[in-house]
Amino acid sequence: MEVGRESFVVVVVGFAGVGKSTLCGAAVEGIAGLSKLVSVTTRPPRDGEVNGVDKFFVGLSEYQRQVDAGELLVPTETYGNRYALRATDLWGGGPMITEMHYANLPVFGTHHSRFASICVLPQGTADARSKLGSRGESSLEADLRSAVVSREHEVLRALAERDSFDRTFTNAFDLESQQSFVELVAEMLDD
């Protein structure tokens, strides 16, 4: 059900291990009135993740039921797991921030018109690969993600050079980067 006006959404895109979740969390913590647009996923929670806070964790049958009922937007599959956004969360609220795989951004734009995108790139692919190893994922999932990081890094850099995103941000995986990201998001919300 659509209530009120579309919420403005800052969409943070990047590949696995680039720091999207950490940066989004810093923005929510550092900007009054900004909330996180939480996605629905079929993947199991990682260590420390909380259902309804980090993601809505559901089984495949419940996910498909919600897709079929039109409750989820931008249903996609990434690394063998399914992701989507709850349609009702996009209406009538204040500004929001969410993260998604870069390939899903064009699909999001067909469902929601009030958004701006930030492409997050690491200073180097070694930084992102090291983050993947600390996620508590199965070795198969970590190996799969690591195998595509270099290729996705090249694709994202090429897309960023073609101005496919509203902004590009380089993450150095430190507190200074987090503060710079918060300032960037605040600036985008003021525009």
Protein backbone atom coordinates (compact mmCIF):
# COMPACT_ATOMS: atom_id res chain seq x y z
CA MET A 1 0.00 0.00 0.00
CA GLU A 2 1.44 3.35 -1.01
CA VAL A 3 1.02 5.99 1.67
CA GLY A 4 2.19 9.55 1.18
CA ARG A 5 5.19 10.34 -0.90
CA GLU A 6 8.11 8.21 -1.96
CA SER A 7 10.95 8.34 0.54
CA PHE A 8 14.27 9.65 -0.77
CA VAL A 9 16.73 6.75 -0.80
CA VAL A 10 20.52 6.86 -0.98
CA VAL A 11 21.50 3.59 -2.68
CA VAL A 12 25.02 2.39 -1.88
CA VAL A 13 26.34 -0.02 -4.50
CA GLY A 14 29.50 -2.04 -4.68
CA PHE A 15 30.70 -5.60 -4.68
CA ALA A 16 31.01 -7.97 -1.74
CA GLY A 17 33.53 -6.92 0.89
CA VAL A 18 33.80 -3.25 -0.12
CA GLY A 19 32.31 -2.00 3.17
CA LYS A 20 28.75 -1.08 2.17
CA SER A 21 27.19 -2.26 5.44
CA THR A 22 29.75 -0.52 7.62
CA LEU A 23 29.43 2.75 5.72
CA CYS A 24 25.62 2.65 5.76
CA GLY A 25 25.70 2.01 9.50
CA ALA A 26 28.00 5.00 10.04
CA ALA A 27 25.64 7.20 8.00
CA VAL A 28 22.56 6.12 9.98
CA GLU A 29 24.42 6.72 13.23
CA GLY A 30 25.83 10.07 12.13
CA ILE A 31 22.86 11.72 10.36
CA ALA A 32 19.75 12.60 12.32
CA GLY A 33 16.57 11.39 10.63
CA LEU A 34 18.29 8.96 8.26
CA SER A 35 17.10 5.38 8.57
CA LYS A 36 18.24 2.13 7.04
CA LEU A 37 16.09 0.53 4.35
CA VAL A 38 16.43 -3.11 5.37
CA SER A 39 16.41 -5.74 2.63
CA VAL A 40 14.86 -9.20 2.70
CA THR A 41 17.20 -12.12 2.00
CA THR A 42 17.24 -15.88 1.88
CA ARG A 43 20.86 -16.06 3.03
CA PRO A 44 21.56 -17.10 6.60
CA PRO A 45 22.55 -14.39 9.09
CA ARG A 46 26.24 -13.76 9.60
CA ASP A 47 27.69 -13.63 13.08
CA GLY A 48 26.21 -10.67 14.96
CA GLU A 49 23.47 -9.88 12.42
CA VAL A 50 20.00 -9.27 13.83
CA ASN A 51 16.79 -10.14 11.99
CA GLY A 52 14.85 -6.97 11.15
CA VAL A 53 17.84 -4.74 11.86
CA ASP A 54 20.54 -5.90 9.46
CA LYS A 55 18.30 -7.84 7.05
CA PHE A 56 14.96 -9.63 7.16
CA PHE A 57 16.04 -13.29 7.00
CA VAL A 58 13.42 -15.55 5.43
CA GLY A 59 13.27 -19.00 3.89
CA LEU A 60 13.00 -19.47 0.15
CA SER A 61 9.28 -20.36 0.25
CA GLU A 62 8.41 -17.24 2.29
CA TYR A 63 10.54 -15.09 0.01
CA GLN A 64 8.75 -16.44 -3.06
CA ARG A 65 5.35 -15.96 -1.40
CA GLN A 66 6.17 -12.29 -0.77
CA VAL A 67 7.41 -11.82 -4.35
CA ASP A 68 4.27 -13.44 -5.77
CA ALA A 69 2.07 -11.24 -3.54
CA GLY A 70 3.81 -8.09 -4.81
CA GLU A 71 5.18 -7.30 -1.37
CA LEU A 72 8.81 -7.23 -2.52
CA LEU A 73 10.51 -5.02 -5.09
CA VAL A 74 13.73 -5.62 -7.01
CA PRO A 75 13.85 -9.37 -6.42
CA THR A 76 17.32 -10.50 -7.40
CA GLU A 77 19.77 -13.32 -6.90
CA THR A 78 23.36 -12.60 -5.95
CA TYR A 79 25.93 -15.30 -5.09
CA GLY A 80 23.15 -17.90 -4.86
CA ASN A 81 21.07 -15.92 -2.35
CA ARG A 82 17.94 -13.92 -3.04
CA TYR A 83 17.42 -10.30 -2.03
CA ALA A 84 14.59 -7.77 -2.32
CA LEU A 85 13.15 -4.66 -0.67
CA ARG A 86 9.78 -4.46 1.04
CA ALA A 87 7.54 -2.25 -1.10
CA THR A 88 5.77 -0.61 1.85
CA ASP A 89 9.07 0.58 3.35
CA LEU A 90 9.64 2.96 0.43
CA TRP A 91 6.64 5.21 1.11
CA GLY A 92 5.85 7.99 3.53
CA GLY A 93 9.00 8.02 5.59
CA GLY A 94 12.02 10.24 5.86
CA PRO A 95 15.30 9.76 4.01
CA MET A 96 16.70 6.25 3.90
CA ILE A 97 19.91 4.49 2.96
CA THR A 98 20.27 0.99 1.60
CA GLU A 99 22.89 -1.16 -0.01
CA MET A 100 22.70 -3.44 -3.00
CA HIS A 101 24.79 -5.13 -5.62
CA TYR A 102 25.56 -2.68 -8.43
CA ALA A 103 23.84 -4.83 -11.06
CA ASN A 104 20.50 -4.31 -9.28
CA LEU A 105 20.54 -0.50 -9.40
CA PRO A 106 18.82 -0.14 -12.80
CA VAL A 107 16.00 -2.44 -11.63
CA PHE A 108 15.58 -0.38 -8.46
CA GLY A 109 15.21 2.74 -10.61
CA THR A 110 12.24 1.22 -12.42
CA HIS A 111 10.40 0.87 -9.09
CA HIS A 112 11.45 4.02 -7.28
CA SER A 113 12.18 7.48 -8.68
CA ARG A 114 13.51 9.41 -5.67
CA PHE A 115 17.02 8.12 -5.16
CA ALA A 116 20.69 8.89 -5.61
CA SER A 117 23.50 6.37 -5.91
CA ILE A 118 26.95 6.10 -4.43
CA CYS A 119 29.40 3.58 -5.87
CA VAL A 120 31.86 2.40 -3.21
CA LEU A 121 35.26 1.21 -4.37
CA PRO A 122 38.13 -0.01 -2.20
CA GLN A 123 41.56 1.54 -2.41
CA GLY A 124 42.61 -1.87 -3.74
CA THR A 125 41.08 -5.30 -4.23
CA ALA A 126 43.32 -6.78 -1.53
CA ASP A 127 41.41 -4.67 1.06
CA ALA A 128 38.09 -6.13 -0.06
CA ARG A 129 39.43 -9.68 -0.22
CA SER A 130 40.70 -9.44 3.35
CA LYS A 131 37.25 -8.30 4.52
CA LEU A 132 35.62 -11.33 2.88
CA GLY A 133 37.78 -13.69 4.92
CA SER A 134 36.47 -12.27 8.20
CA ARG A 135 32.74 -12.71 7.51
CA GLY A 136 32.24 -16.14 9.01
CA GLU A 137 30.91 -17.47 5.70
CA SER A 138 31.49 -20.97 4.45
CA SER A 139 34.81 -21.38 2.68
CA LEU A 140 32.93 -22.14 -0.55
CA GLU A 141 30.98 -18.86 -0.37
CA ALA A 142 34.10 -16.89 0.55
CA ASP A 143 36.06 -18.50 -2.32
CA LEU A 144 33.25 -17.73 -4.77
CA ARG A 145 33.08 -14.10 -3.69
CA SER A 146 36.84 -13.70 -3.73
CA ALA A 147 37.03 -15.12 -7.25
CA VAL A 148 34.74 -12.40 -8.61
CA VAL A 149 36.06 -9.43 -6.61
CA SER A 150 38.80 -8.53 -9.09
CA ARG A 151 36.45 -8.70 -12.08
CA GLU A 152 33.72 -6.71 -10.33
CA HIS A 153 36.27 -4.12 -9.25
CA GLU A 154 37.18 -3.59 -12.92
CA VAL A 155 33.51 -3.38 -13.96
CA LEU A 156 32.65 -0.88 -11.22
CA ARG A 157 35.64 1.31 -12.02
CA ALA A 158 34.60 1.37 -15.68
CA LEU A 159 30.98 2.21 -14.78
CA ALA A 160 32.15 4.95 -12.40
CA GLU A 161 34.33 6.45 -15.13
CA ARG A 162 31.23 6.60 -17.34
CA ASP A 163 29.32 8.48 -14.63
CA SER A 164 26.87 5.61 -14.13
CA PHE A 165 26.49 6.64 -10.47
CA ASP A 166 25.68 9.97 -8.85
CA ARG A 167 28.82 9.79 -6.72
CA THR A 168 31.84 7.53 -6.32
CA PHE A 169 33.50 6.96 -2.95
CA THR A 170 36.84 5.28 -2.23
CA ASN A 171 36.83 3.33 1.03
CA ALA A 172 40.11 3.04 2.92
CA PHE A 173 38.42 0.91 5.63
CA ASP A 174 39.20 3.32 8.45
CA LEU A 175 37.35 5.80 10.67
CA GLU A 176 38.35 8.72 8.46
CA SER A 177 36.66 7.01 5.49
CA GLN A 178 33.53 6.46 7.54
CA GLN A 179 33.40 10.14 8.52
CA SER A 180 33.97 11.24 4.92
CA PHE A 181 31.16 8.95 3.80
CA VAL A 182 28.78 10.40 6.41
CA GLU A 183 29.64 13.91 5.15
CA LEU A 184 29.01 12.82 1.54
CA VAL A 185 25.59 11.37 2.38
CA ALA A 186 24.64 14.47 4.40
CA GLU A 187 25.62 16.64 1.44
CA MET A 188 23.48 14.53 -0.91
CA LEU A 189 20.50 14.82 1.42
CA ASP A 190 20.90 18.62 1.51
CA ASP A 191 20.88 18.90 -2.31
